[in-house]
Protein backbone atom coordinates (compact mmCIF):
# COMPACT_ATOMS: atom_id res chain seq x y z
CA MET A 1 -41.25 140.78 26.81
CA SER A 2 -39.46 140.28 30.30
CA MET A 3 -40.25 142.83 33.05
CA GLU A 4 -37.56 142.04 35.64
CA LYS A 5 -36.80 145.30 37.42
CA PHE A 6 -33.35 145.55 38.87
CA ASP A 7 -31.33 148.58 40.27
CA VAL A 8 -29.29 150.71 37.89
CA ALA A 9 -26.20 153.27 38.37
CA VAL A 10 -24.81 156.13 36.72
CA LEU A 11 -21.34 157.59 37.36
CA GLY A 12 -21.11 161.04 36.18
CA LEU A 13 -24.25 163.42 37.56
CA GLY A 14 -23.41 166.47 35.05
CA GLY A 15 -25.72 167.57 32.40
CA MET A 16 -25.73 164.06 30.51
CA GLY A 17 -25.32 161.97 33.62
CA LYS A 18 -29.24 164.17 34.26
CA THR A 19 -30.54 162.86 30.97
CA HIS A 20 -28.93 159.50 31.95
CA VAL A 21 -30.89 159.41 34.85
CA GLY A 22 -34.22 160.54 33.14
CA ALA A 23 -34.26 157.77 31.00
CA ALA A 24 -33.74 155.50 33.82
CA LYS A 25 -36.88 156.82 35.81
CA SER A 26 -38.78 156.16 32.44
CA SER A 27 -38.06 152.73 32.28
CA PRO A 28 -40.27 150.25 33.52
CA HIS A 29 -37.33 147.76 33.87
CA VAL A 30 -35.56 150.24 36.81
CA ASN A 31 -35.95 150.03 40.32
CA ARG A 32 -33.38 151.67 42.35
CA ILE A 33 -31.23 154.15 40.64
CA TYR A 34 -27.89 155.18 42.41
CA GLY A 35 -25.65 158.37 41.13
CA TYR A 36 -21.57 158.74 41.77
CA GLU A 37 -19.84 161.23 41.27
CA PRO A 38 -15.95 161.24 42.73
CA ASP A 39 -16.15 164.74 44.85
CA PRO A 40 -18.87 163.26 48.03
CA GLU A 41 -20.16 166.78 48.35
CA ARG A 42 -20.88 167.11 44.68
CA ARG A 43 -22.06 163.71 45.03
CA ALA A 44 -24.97 164.09 47.61
CA GLN A 45 -25.73 167.19 46.64
CA ARG A 46 -26.40 166.13 43.29
CA ALA A 47 -27.90 162.78 43.96
CA SER A 48 -30.41 165.47 46.47
CA GLU A 49 -31.41 167.09 42.99
CA LEU A 50 -32.15 164.23 40.63
CA GLY A 51 -33.69 162.41 43.46
CA ILE A 52 -31.64 159.10 43.20
CA ILE A 53 -29.39 157.28 45.78
CA ALA A 54 -25.78 158.61 46.54
CA ALA A 55 -23.14 155.91 46.74
CA ASP A 56 -19.09 155.49 46.16
CA LEU A 57 -17.68 153.36 43.28
CA PRO A 58 -16.69 150.45 45.34
CA GLU A 59 -20.05 150.16 47.23
CA ILE A 60 -22.10 150.15 43.26
CA LEU A 61 -19.72 147.31 41.94
CA ALA A 62 -20.31 145.06 44.90
CA ASN A 63 -23.79 145.55 45.21
CA PRO A 64 -25.54 142.40 43.14
CA GLU A 65 -28.48 144.34 42.69
CA ILE A 66 -26.95 146.88 40.12
CA LYS A 67 -27.30 145.36 36.68
CA PHE A 68 -26.62 148.10 34.94
CA VAL A 69 -24.44 150.84 34.52
CA SER A 70 -24.09 153.64 32.75
CA ILE A 71 -21.20 156.12 32.34
CA ALA A 72 -21.86 160.08 31.73
CA SER A 73 -18.77 161.29 33.14
CA SER A 74 -15.83 163.23 31.74
CA ASN A 75 -14.02 161.84 28.96
CA GLU A 76 -10.85 160.52 30.54
CA SER A 77 -12.55 158.62 33.07
CA HIS A 78 -14.85 156.39 30.40
CA ILE A 79 -12.05 153.51 30.15
CA PRO A 80 -11.06 153.13 33.89
CA LEU A 81 -14.98 153.24 34.65
CA ALA A 82 -16.02 150.81 32.04
CA GLU A 83 -13.31 148.53 32.63
CA ALA A 84 -13.99 148.49 36.69
CA ALA A 85 -18.09 147.92 36.02
CA LEU A 86 -17.18 145.40 33.38
CA ARG A 87 -14.70 142.90 35.48
CA ALA A 88 -17.58 143.78 38.44
CA GLY A 89 -20.01 142.05 36.10
CA LYS A 90 -21.73 144.99 34.99
CA LYS A 91 -23.85 145.58 31.68
CA VAL A 92 -22.47 148.55 30.54
CA MET A 93 -23.16 151.62 28.69
CA CYS A 94 -20.52 154.25 28.43
CA GLU A 95 -20.56 157.55 26.38
CA LYS A 96 -18.26 158.44 23.58
CA PRO A 97 -15.39 158.43 23.10
CA MET A 98 -14.58 155.41 23.33
CA GLY A 99 -10.98 156.83 25.48
CA ASP A 100 -8.62 159.27 24.66
CA THR A 101 -6.36 157.28 22.68
CA LEU A 102 -6.71 153.97 20.33
CA GLU A 103 -4.53 152.17 22.81
CA GLU A 104 -6.89 152.65 25.77
CA ALA A 105 -10.64 151.93 23.13
CA THR A 106 -8.36 148.84 22.05
CA ARG A 107 -8.20 147.34 25.59
CA LEU A 108 -11.59 148.38 26.07
CA ILE A 109 -13.18 145.77 23.50
CA LYS A 110 -10.05 143.26 24.04
CA LEU A 111 -11.44 143.15 28.38
CA LYS A 112 -15.30 143.00 26.99
CA GLN A 113 -14.42 140.15 24.49
CA GLU A 114 -12.30 138.38 27.46
CA LEU A 115 -15.28 138.63 29.60
CA ASN A 116 -18.06 138.08 27.10
CA GLY A 117 -19.54 141.70 28.84
CA PHE A 118 -22.18 144.05 27.51
CA LEU A 119 -21.12 147.23 26.20
CA GLN A 120 -22.83 149.54 24.27
CA ILE A 121 -21.30 152.84 23.17
CA GLY A 122 -23.59 156.17 23.30
CA PHE A 123 -24.28 156.95 19.63
CA GLU A 124 -27.51 157.89 20.08
CA LEU A 125 -28.27 158.96 16.46
CA HIS A 126 -28.74 155.66 15.96
CA TYR A 127 -32.04 155.47 17.60
CA SER A 128 -32.80 159.28 16.49
CA ARG A 129 -35.53 159.30 14.48
CA LEU A 130 -34.01 162.06 11.74
CA TYR A 131 -31.74 160.05 10.63
CA MET A 132 -33.18 156.07 11.35
CA LYS A 133 -35.41 157.68 8.48
CA ALA A 134 -32.60 158.25 6.03
CA LYS A 135 -31.16 155.10 6.98
CA GLU A 136 -34.52 153.09 6.39
CA TRP A 137 -34.49 155.01 2.73
CA ILE A 138 -31.32 153.94 2.01
CA ASP A 139 -31.64 150.20 2.96
CA GLN A 140 -34.94 149.74 0.89
CA GLY A 141 -32.54 151.11 -2.14
CA LEU A 142 -34.64 154.17 -2.51
CA ILE A 143 -31.47 156.45 -3.64
CA GLY A 144 -29.39 153.48 -5.20
CA LYS A 145 -26.20 152.98 -4.26
CA VAL A 146 -24.62 155.75 -1.58
CA VAL A 147 -21.60 157.36 -3.36
CA ASN A 148 -21.14 160.65 -1.45
CA ILE A 149 -22.04 161.91 1.44
CA GLN A 150 -21.56 165.83 2.35
CA THR A 151 -21.94 166.94 5.82
CA ARG A 152 -22.40 170.67 7.02
CA TYR A 153 -22.04 171.26 10.82
CA LEU A 154 -21.85 175.17 11.99
CA CYS A 155 -22.30 176.13 15.12
CA THR A 156 -21.24 178.25 18.20
CA VAL A 157 -18.73 177.02 21.05
CA HIS A 158 -21.29 176.64 23.96
CA HIS A 159 -18.79 175.29 27.04
CA PRO A 160 -17.71 177.79 29.29
CA LYS A 161 -13.55 178.73 29.92
CA GLY A 162 -11.91 176.68 32.43
CA SER A 163 -14.42 173.43 31.80
CA TRP A 164 -13.07 170.21 30.90
CA ARG A 165 -14.22 170.38 27.38
CA SER A 166 -12.35 173.99 26.71
CA LYS A 167 -9.28 171.85 28.00
CA GLY A 168 -9.03 169.34 25.17
CA LYS A 169 -6.32 169.60 23.06
CA GLY A 170 -5.55 169.06 19.07
CA SER A 171 -8.00 166.85 17.73
CA PHE A 172 -10.33 166.94 20.91
CA LEU A 173 -13.50 167.93 19.42
CA ILE A 174 -13.13 165.10 16.42
CA GLY A 175 -13.69 162.26 18.94
CA GLU A 176 -15.89 164.43 21.70
CA LYS A 177 -18.30 166.08 18.63
CA LEU A 178 -17.69 165.04 15.41
CA SER A 179 -17.56 161.29 16.19
CA HIS A 180 -21.45 161.07 15.79
CA TYR A 181 -21.39 162.56 12.62
CA LEU A 182 -18.36 160.88 11.57
CA ASP A 183 -20.23 157.28 12.74
CA LEU A 184 -23.46 158.26 10.34
CA GLN A 185 -21.25 158.59 7.35
CA ARG A 186 -19.99 154.84 7.83
CA TRP A 187 -23.45 153.75 8.61
CA PHE A 188 -25.33 155.15 5.63
CA MET A 189 -22.40 154.45 3.23
CA GLY A 190 -22.88 150.75 4.64
CA SER A 191 -18.79 150.43 3.87
CA GLU A 192 -15.76 151.27 5.89
CA PRO A 193 -13.41 154.03 5.60
CA GLU A 194 -10.47 153.74 3.50
CA SER A 195 -8.65 156.67 3.70
CA VAL A 196 -8.60 160.07 5.29
CA TYR A 197 -7.56 163.75 4.77
CA ALA A 198 -8.09 166.13 7.16
CA VAL A 199 -7.03 169.83 7.41
CA ALA A 200 -7.83 172.84 10.40
CA SER A 201 -7.35 176.11 9.73
CA PRO A 202 -5.56 178.54 12.83
CA ARG A 203 -8.33 178.61 15.86
CA VAL A 204 -10.62 181.67 15.98
CA LEU A 205 -11.35 180.51 19.63
CA PRO A 206 -8.35 182.00 21.60
CA TYR A 207 -8.91 180.35 24.79
CA VAL A 208 -8.70 176.50 23.57
CA GLU A 209 -6.15 174.10 22.28
CA TYR A 210 -8.45 172.39 20.81
CA ARG A 211 -8.76 172.88 16.85
CA ASP A 212 -12.18 174.37 16.72
CA ASN A 213 -12.89 173.99 12.69
CA HIS A 214 -12.30 170.71 10.61
CA ASN A 215 -12.52 170.14 7.08
CA ILE A 216 -12.51 165.92 6.84
CA THR A 217 -12.30 164.51 3.24
CA THR A 218 -12.87 160.55 3.58
CA THR A 219 -12.79 157.51 0.65
CA PHE A 220 -14.43 154.48 1.36
CA LYS A 221 -13.74 150.71 0.42
CA ASN A 222 -16.83 150.94 -1.57
CA GLY A 223 -15.71 153.74 -3.71
CA GLY A 224 -17.98 156.35 -1.83
CA ILE A 225 -16.58 159.51 -0.24
CA GLY A 226 -17.66 161.83 2.65
CA VAL A 227 -16.57 165.27 3.45
CA LEU A 228 -17.40 166.74 7.14
CA LEU A 229 -17.20 170.92 7.41
CA PHE A 230 -17.13 171.79 10.91
CA THR A 231 -16.69 175.07 12.89
CA ALA A 232 -17.55 175.66 16.26
CA PHE A 233 -17.54 179.66 15.86
CA ALA A 234 -19.68 180.56 12.91
CA ALA A 235 -23.09 180.84 14.63
CA GLU A 236 -24.42 183.83 16.72
CA SER A 237 -23.96 182.75 20.31
CA TYR A 238 -26.80 181.75 22.57
CA HIS A 239 -26.63 182.88 26.41
CA GLY A 240 -29.74 180.94 27.69
CA GLU A 241 -32.60 183.12 26.24
CA GLN A 242 -36.04 182.26 26.13
CA TYR A 243 -36.98 181.77 22.35
CA GLU A 244 -40.76 180.60 21.45
CA ASP A 245 -38.70 177.71 18.84
CA LEU A 246 -35.16 178.49 19.69
CA LEU A 247 -34.26 175.86 16.46
CA ALA A 248 -35.91 178.55 13.99
CA LYS A 249 -33.69 181.23 15.65
CA GLN A 250 -30.98 179.23 15.28
CA ARG A 251 -31.60 178.14 12.13
CA ASP A 252 -31.50 181.91 11.26
CA ASP A 253 -28.45 182.89 13.00
CA GLY A 254 -26.01 180.47 10.92
CA HIS A 255 -26.31 177.35 12.78
CA VAL A 256 -26.36 174.38 10.26
CA LEU A 257 -26.51 170.65 10.56
CA GLN A 258 -27.26 168.94 7.69
CA TYR A 259 -26.55 165.88 5.12
CA LEU A 260 -26.67 165.50 1.97
CA ILE A 261 -26.63 161.43 0.88
CA MET A 262 -26.52 161.15 -2.61
CA GLY A 263 -26.73 158.46 -4.70
CA ASP A 264 -26.92 157.01 -8.70
CA LYS A 265 -30.71 157.05 -8.08
CA GLY A 266 -31.50 159.66 -5.88
CA MET A 267 -30.48 162.05 -3.07
CA ILE A 268 -31.38 162.20 0.74
CA GLU A 269 -31.17 165.73 2.80
CA THR A 270 -31.53 165.84 6.30
CA ASP A 271 -31.79 169.50 7.93
CA VAL A 272 -31.64 169.63 11.78
CA PHE A 273 -32.84 173.47 11.89
CA ALA A 274 -34.93 172.93 9.28
CA ARG A 275 -36.67 170.16 11.11
CA ARG A 276 -37.39 167.74 8.23
CA ILE A 277 -35.83 164.97 5.81
CA ARG A 278 -36.53 165.14 2.22
CA ARG A 279 -35.79 162.81 -0.73
CA TRP A 280 -35.45 163.35 -4.56
CA THR A 281 -35.49 160.61 -7.11
CA PHE A 282 -32.79 160.90 -10.70
CA THR A 283 -34.42 159.39 -14.13
CA ASP A 284 -33.60 158.94 -16.81
CA THR A 285 -35.63 160.27 -19.75
CA GLY A 286 -33.37 159.34 -22.78
CA GLU A 287 -32.35 162.60 -23.18
CA ARG A 288 -30.98 163.49 -19.53
CA LEU A 289 -31.15 162.55 -15.93
CA ASP A 290 -33.92 164.27 -14.04
CA SER A 291 -34.44 165.09 -10.79
CA ALA A 292 -37.70 165.50 -8.74
CA ARG A 293 -38.06 166.07 -4.85
CA ASP A 294 -40.34 163.16 -4.34
CA GLU A 295 -40.93 162.92 -0.59
CA GLU A 296 -40.82 165.44 3.02
CA ILE A 297 -41.50 164.68 6.36
CA ARG A 298 -41.35 167.44 8.74
CA TYR A 299 -41.58 166.66 12.50
CA PRO A 300 -42.79 169.47 15.34
CA GLN A 301 -40.68 171.15 18.13
CA ALA A 302 -42.01 169.04 20.48
CA LEU A 303 -40.54 165.96 19.14
CA ASP A 304 -37.49 167.04 18.72
CA ASN A 305 -35.30 165.40 21.24
CA SER A 306 -36.56 161.72 19.74
CA TRP A 307 -36.08 163.25 16.06
CA ILE A 308 -32.03 165.02 16.37
CA HIS A 309 -30.07 163.68 19.85
CA ASN A 310 -32.51 160.52 21.01
CA THR A 311 -30.19 159.77 24.34
CA SER A 312 -32.92 159.10 26.38
CA GLY A 313 -34.26 156.94 23.47
CA GLN A 314 -31.88 155.13 22.92
CA ASN A 315 -30.69 154.36 27.27
CA LYS A 316 -34.12 153.30 27.54
CA LYS A 317 -33.60 150.73 24.89
CA ILE A 318 -30.72 149.49 26.25
CA ILE A 319 -32.28 148.80 29.56
CA GLU A 320 -35.03 147.12 27.85
CA LEU A 321 -32.12 144.76 26.46
CA VAL A 322 -30.65 144.21 29.41
CA ALA A 323 -33.99 143.05 30.88
CA ASN A 324 -34.35 140.74 28.17
CA GLY A 325 -31.01 138.99 28.10
CA LEU A 326 -30.17 140.44 24.95
CA PRO A 327 -26.99 141.83 23.26
CA PRO A 328 -26.26 145.38 22.68
CA GLY A 329 -28.24 147.35 19.71
CA VAL A 330 -25.06 148.98 18.26
CA PRO A 331 -21.65 146.75 19.01
CA ALA A 332 -19.14 148.17 21.02
CA GLU A 333 -16.69 146.62 18.18
CA ASP A 334 -19.09 148.87 15.36
CA ALA A 335 -18.08 151.95 17.79
CA TYR A 336 -14.72 151.22 18.07
CA GLN A 337 -14.62 151.30 14.25
CA THR A 338 -15.81 154.69 14.39
CA MET A 339 -13.10 155.87 17.31
CA ARG A 340 -10.36 154.56 14.41
CA PHE A 341 -12.02 156.97 12.02
CA CYS A 342 -11.74 159.34 14.61
CA PHE A 343 -8.00 158.63 15.58
CA ALA A 344 -7.20 158.40 11.77
CA ALA A 345 -8.59 161.88 10.84
CA GLY A 346 -6.88 163.12 13.83
CA LEU A 347 -3.34 161.81 12.72
CA SER A 348 -3.93 163.51 9.21
CA GLU A 349 -4.61 166.12 10.74
CA ASP A 350 -1.40 166.39 13.17
CA THR A 351 0.75 165.12 9.97
CA GLY A 352 -0.38 166.75 7.20
CA ARG A 353 -1.01 163.92 5.09
CA ILE A 354 -3.86 161.29 4.06
CA VAL A 355 -4.11 158.31 6.68
CA ARG A 356 -5.19 155.15 5.46
CA LEU A 357 -6.70 153.13 7.50
CA ASP A 358 -5.12 150.01 7.75
CA GLU A 359 -1.90 151.91 9.21
CA LEU A 360 -4.03 152.20 12.73
CA PRO A 361 -3.96 148.77 14.65
CA ASP A 362 -7.44 147.28 15.13
CA TRP A 363 -8.39 145.21 18.45
CA LYS A 364 -8.65 142.07 16.22
């Protein structure tokens, strides 16, 4: 393993940027860390708070010692920042979504291909132990061929009025939030989506322009199906209260984040708020199909981040790949297919019809 040390830059120093800075600080490959915000005063303030070096964008792009750039800014700036960093020869990690439009995402992939650049999009659930274990069981054949994936995600909105997230429109939440969970459906199914039908009821949240609930039904090319049910208002609101175990509290007040991954030989359940993953085996007894729970893993509260949303672990791994001259762990081309999936779901909601994925352009 290489122990090369290099400088990195984090573009966007909000809440997610803080996570990116923390991951860089914990990497043995990182020397200096630079931080960028477009507003100079906020840039200086946040850099001071995070213990990093404030720098403007041209300075970062021109600095040959900065080998790696991670982008944790608001959505509309992902594409211009990623394009600028790739053109400057930087290795790039960018939070999702990969653009506000499919045209933007296509342009970014084509630039990455043209420059033979390093680009990974932040789908950290590929690095989260809960979902890695589910994928491991699937790849081991323990539930047979995956035929049906049910995803339930019930939560409550947490960002305030006037924030950039609250100003999203239409199907904004599909790319901003649900892209993670549609991406997992692709990963678990081992097949690309063929068609999508998505609907949303009237909004409950009065101060947003995006649809705050989604029912997304997908048929996959291998014949499997997936269903995602999401609401942003069902669970009890959290106002920063101190609880000994926040997940246990949320599980009791209506929060749900659960997968049921059904195969022809068994089933897997992942349950974030129960902190567990379970597996069932189906057996033909000659008289009927019997189902028995075979395996259960529970993890402690202290490991929540690494099991549920392992952004820090993902970023550390990407930095390690850069240090060793290796390609991205999750290719940007794969992330692009998830974004096509998301845009197809949004188009279905907009038009009220089933949308085939082959209706949408591809980068190839």
